[in-house]
Protein backbone atom coordinates (compact mmCIF):
# COMPACT_ATOMS: atom_id res chain seq x y z
CA MET A 1 -5.95 169.39 120.76
CA VAL A 2 -2.71 169.41 122.12
CA ILE A 3 -1.58 167.99 125.32
CA ASN A 4 0.64 168.93 128.17
CA LYS A 5 0.01 167.56 131.02
CA VAL A 6 -1.41 164.22 132.32
CA LEU A 7 -2.37 163.78 135.21
CA LEU A 8 -3.42 160.14 137.48
CA SER A 9 -5.79 159.12 140.20
CA GLN A 10 -6.81 155.47 140.85
CA GLU A 11 -5.87 154.31 137.68
CA ASN A 12 -7.99 156.81 135.75
CA TRP A 13 -5.34 158.65 133.23
CA TYR A 14 -6.41 162.43 132.72
CA PHE A 15 -5.11 165.03 129.44
CA TRP A 16 -4.78 168.67 130.60
CA ASN A 17 -3.65 171.43 127.72
CA LYS A 18 -5.11 174.54 129.79
CA GLY A 19 -7.63 175.87 132.64
CA ASP A 20 -8.73 174.09 135.92
CA PHE A 21 -9.55 170.84 135.33
CA HIS A 22 -13.12 169.05 136.76
CA SER A 23 -13.51 165.51 137.19
CA ASN A 24 -15.07 162.89 139.83
CA PHE A 25 -12.67 163.43 141.70
CA GLY A 26 -12.68 167.02 142.05
CA ILE A 27 -11.24 170.78 140.85
CA ILE A 28 -7.51 171.60 141.04
CA LYS A 29 -6.45 174.49 139.87
CA GLU A 30 -4.84 175.65 136.96
CA LYS A 31 -1.99 176.60 139.14
CA ASP A 32 -1.24 173.91 141.10
CA ILE A 33 -1.39 171.98 137.84
CA LEU A 34 1.33 173.88 136.21
CA LYS A 35 3.80 172.89 139.58
CA GLY A 36 2.92 169.01 138.72
CA GLY A 37 4.20 166.35 141.59
CA MET A 38 1.47 164.97 143.76
CA ILE A 39 -1.32 167.30 144.57
CA LYS A 40 -5.03 167.22 146.31
CA SER A 41 -7.90 168.19 144.72
CA ASN A 42 -10.94 170.24 146.52
CA LYS A 43 -12.83 166.90 147.55
CA GLY A 44 -9.14 165.21 148.65
CA ASN A 45 -8.30 163.24 145.87
CA ILE A 46 -4.87 162.62 145.06
CA PHE A 47 -3.57 163.44 142.06
CA TYR A 48 0.25 162.36 140.31
CA VAL A 49 0.63 165.37 137.81
CA PHE A 50 3.62 164.77 134.79
CA ASP A 51 4.25 166.63 131.41
CA ALA A 52 2.98 164.63 129.10
CA ASN A 53 5.69 162.88 126.81
CA PHE A 54 5.56 161.98 123.10
CA PHE A 55 3.26 158.92 123.90
CA ASP A 56 1.21 160.71 126.17
CA LYS A 57 0.18 162.87 123.60
CA MET A 58 -0.32 160.31 120.81
CA GLN A 59 -3.32 158.77 122.69
CA LYS A 60 -5.21 162.02 122.18
CA ILE A 61 -4.98 162.53 118.63
CA LYS A 62 -8.15 162.56 116.16
CA ARG A 63 -7.95 158.72 115.39
CA LEU A 64 -9.42 156.16 111.98
CA PRO A 65 -10.23 152.96 111.90
CA GLN A 66 -7.08 149.88 112.74
CA ALA A 67 -4.26 152.23 114.27
CA ILE A 68 -1.36 149.94 114.52
CA MET A 69 -0.60 149.58 118.45
CA GLU A 70 2.72 150.43 120.31
CA LYS A 71 4.31 147.01 120.27
CA ASP A 72 4.11 146.67 116.86
CA ILE A 73 5.60 149.97 116.24
CA ALA A 74 8.39 149.32 118.66
CA SER A 75 8.64 145.87 116.65
CA ILE A 76 9.71 148.24 112.97
CA LEU A 77 11.54 150.82 114.27
CA MET A 78 13.62 148.13 115.48
CA TYR A 79 14.40 145.67 113.23
CA ALA A 80 14.71 148.52 110.48
CA ASP A 81 16.95 149.84 111.91
CA ILE A 82 15.48 153.65 111.55
CA ASN A 83 17.46 156.37 113.06
CA LYS A 84 18.16 159.93 113.03
CA LYS A 85 20.11 159.56 109.21
CA SER A 86 17.17 157.46 108.11
CA ILE A 87 14.93 158.50 105.21
CA VAL A 88 12.09 156.60 105.40
CA LEU A 89 9.34 156.02 102.29
CA GLU A 90 5.64 154.94 104.54
CA ALA A 91 2.30 153.91 102.89
CA GLY A 92 -1.09 153.31 104.21
CA THR A 93 -0.83 156.97 106.57
CA GLY A 94 -4.28 156.69 107.76
CA SER A 95 -4.18 159.11 110.99
CA GLY A 96 -0.84 159.21 110.82
CA LYS A 97 0.35 156.57 114.06
CA LEU A 98 2.88 154.81 112.97
CA CYS A 99 4.14 157.93 110.13
CA SER A 100 4.68 160.15 113.35
CA TYR A 101 6.31 157.33 115.43
CA LEU A 102 9.13 156.95 112.09
CA ALA A 103 9.07 160.74 112.44
CA ARG A 104 10.25 161.20 115.63
CA TYR A 105 13.18 158.58 115.06
CA SER A 106 14.56 159.87 111.43
CA LYS A 107 14.89 162.01 109.22
CA LYS A 108 12.88 162.32 106.66
CA ILE A 109 9.44 160.56 105.47
CA PHE A 110 7.64 160.39 102.38
CA SER A 111 4.05 159.14 103.47
CA PHE A 112 1.40 158.04 100.50
CA GLU A 113 -1.88 158.07 101.37
CA ILE A 114 -5.15 158.13 98.59
CA ASN A 115 -7.91 159.25 100.96
CA GLU A 116 -8.23 162.96 101.01
CA GLN A 117 -10.14 163.05 104.29
CA PHE A 118 -7.41 160.62 105.85
CA ILE A 119 -4.69 163.54 104.39
CA GLU A 120 -6.50 166.21 106.23
CA VAL A 121 -6.77 164.35 109.60
CA ALA A 122 -3.12 163.16 109.83
CA LYS A 123 -1.62 166.71 108.45
CA GLU A 124 -3.40 167.81 111.89
CA ASN A 125 -2.43 165.15 114.53
CA PHE A 126 1.39 166.00 112.24
CA LYS A 127 0.50 169.60 113.46
CA ASP A 128 -0.69 168.89 117.51
CA LEU A 129 2.86 166.68 117.49
CA ASN A 130 4.52 169.44 116.51
CA LEU A 131 5.95 166.87 113.31
CA LYS A 132 7.91 168.80 110.69
CA ASN A 133 9.87 165.78 108.68
CA ILE A 134 7.17 164.82 107.40
CA GLU A 135 6.08 164.91 103.08
CA ILE A 136 2.41 163.35 102.97
CA LYS A 137 2.25 163.11 99.49
CA LYS A 138 -2.19 161.71 97.99
CA GLY A 139 -1.36 158.70 95.54
CA ASN A 140 -1.59 155.38 95.30
CA ILE A 141 1.75 153.53 96.00
CA TYR A 142 0.01 150.58 93.85
CA GLU A 143 0.72 152.53 91.41
CA LYS A 144 3.82 154.79 89.66
CA ILE A 145 5.28 157.34 92.27
CA ASP A 146 7.42 159.83 91.64
CA LEU A 147 9.66 159.99 94.36
CA LYS A 148 13.27 161.95 93.77
CA GLU A 149 15.50 160.45 96.65
CA LYS A 150 16.37 156.61 97.53
CA VAL A 151 15.09 155.63 100.28
CA ASP A 152 16.68 153.92 103.85
CA ALA A 153 13.52 151.95 104.64
CA VAL A 154 9.38 151.59 103.63
CA CYS A 155 7.09 151.09 106.09
CA LEU A 156 3.99 149.57 104.31
CA ASP A 157 0.32 149.65 106.78
CA LEU A 158 -1.58 148.19 103.31
CA PRO A 159 -4.11 144.97 102.31
CA GLU A 160 -2.55 143.70 98.68
CA SER A 161 1.26 145.11 100.26
CA TRP A 162 2.96 142.67 96.95
CA GLU A 163 1.23 145.48 94.32
CA ALA A 164 3.77 147.86 95.37
CA LEU A 165 6.93 145.34 95.39
CA LYS A 166 7.92 147.46 92.33
CA ASN A 167 7.75 151.05 94.03
CA VAL A 168 9.35 149.05 97.27
CA GLU A 169 12.19 147.80 94.74
CA ASN A 170 12.77 151.03 92.79
CA ASN A 171 13.06 153.15 95.82
CA LEU A 172 14.67 151.47 98.30
CA LYS A 173 18.63 151.15 98.45
CA PRO A 174 20.49 148.47 98.95
CA GLY A 175 20.54 146.71 101.80
CA GLY A 176 17.60 149.02 103.51
CA VAL A 177 14.68 147.33 104.59
CA PHE A 178 11.16 146.62 103.57
CA VAL A 179 8.50 145.63 106.39
CA SER A 180 4.82 144.95 105.72
CA TYR A 181 2.03 144.90 108.00
CA LEU A 182 -1.07 142.15 107.49
CA PRO A 183 -3.68 140.80 109.50
CA THR A 184 -3.59 137.25 107.56
CA ILE A 185 -0.79 134.57 107.14
CA VAL A 186 -2.65 134.31 103.90
CA GLN A 187 -1.62 138.00 102.65
CA VAL A 188 2.18 137.03 104.36
CA ILE A 189 1.98 133.95 102.06
CA ASN A 190 1.11 135.82 98.78
CA LEU A 191 3.65 138.91 99.24
CA VAL A 192 6.21 136.47 100.27
CA LYS A 193 5.25 134.28 96.82
CA GLU A 194 5.66 137.42 95.30
CA SER A 195 8.42 138.97 96.44
CA GLN A 196 10.80 136.18 94.81
CA LYS A 197 10.17 138.01 91.83
CA TYR A 198 12.84 141.12 93.19
CA ASN A 199 16.10 142.02 94.71
CA LEU A 200 14.55 141.75 97.86
CA LYS A 201 15.06 138.74 100.46
CA PHE A 202 12.66 137.83 103.21
CA ILE A 203 13.99 138.01 106.44
CA LYS A 204 11.45 137.47 108.72
CA CYS A 205 7.80 136.69 109.75
CA ILE A 206 6.09 137.55 113.73
CA GLU A 207 4.05 138.34 115.68
CA ASN A 208 4.27 140.61 118.91
CA THR A 209 2.44 139.90 122.98
CA GLU A 210 1.66 141.83 124.86
CA ARG A 211 0.11 141.72 127.85
CA SER A 212 -0.44 143.81 131.15
CA TRP A 213 -0.55 142.31 134.96
CA ILE A 214 -1.91 143.97 137.85
CA VAL A 215 -0.04 144.67 141.08
CA GLU A 216 -1.53 146.27 143.91
CA ASN A 217 0.07 144.65 146.72
CA GLU A 218 -1.21 140.69 147.22
CA ARG A 219 -3.09 141.04 144.25
CA VAL A 220 -0.70 140.21 141.43
CA ARG A 221 -2.80 139.41 137.97
CA PRO A 222 -2.69 139.39 134.57
CA GLU A 223 -4.76 142.27 133.34
CA ASN A 224 -5.87 140.64 130.11
CA LYS A 225 -6.04 138.73 127.94
CA THR A 226 -2.44 138.70 124.89
CA GLN A 227 -4.24 139.84 122.01
CA PHE A 228 -2.98 139.08 118.29
CA THR A 229 -2.76 141.87 116.11
CA ALA A 230 -0.78 141.53 112.84
CA PHE A 231 2.09 139.91 111.23
CA LEU A 232 5.63 141.83 110.36
CA VAL A 233 6.95 140.77 107.44
CA PHE A 234 10.60 141.81 107.08
CA PHE A 235 12.95 142.43 104.07
CA ARG A 236 16.60 143.54 102.62
CA LYS A 237 16.87 145.10 99.16
CA TYR A 238 20.23 143.28 97.30
């Protein structure tokens, strides 16, 4: 579903496409939503209305299990030097969350996925997000792939990414960045060990933490515990 507006009331976020809005906090007419700003429902509850940005729209895409968190995506975009000139190879498309963020900041994305159902979900999400610079291919990145051009970065969300190192080396430009998203340190060890057989120099392995805080007048405290998601392992091709 395409999201046009987001509404905030009493710490609850709502996503709006068209028509009058109905909730437990009351009804808001479509014409008032289109005006935006701070408005009241028929029950007198205050709503703040904002134009939906890219992050807001991402919250309503069709999801598949184990999507990468935004805090990790931010590090990938930064350390892989993704920019408007970047051509990126990605594999393990899933619902297309990482691919969508990569596409927003880069010139072109080639994404490989073996599951036909995942491909259809991702294509629908790309359409809803109006992303037109993604070429999704059905194929196994662990096997030989047919890619006509070298890429600036390779991003893999795969459990055995070391099995794809030959394709990484063959398709990545010299100086380009390879990043792998891995849930366990054993996988990291296997990847780094196998990478020594290729022209790939290990740069860093990081984990990201993010903790939200409640700030309500005198009530200021952490909202939840810090959670581990995965390791991000970065290499440069030489």
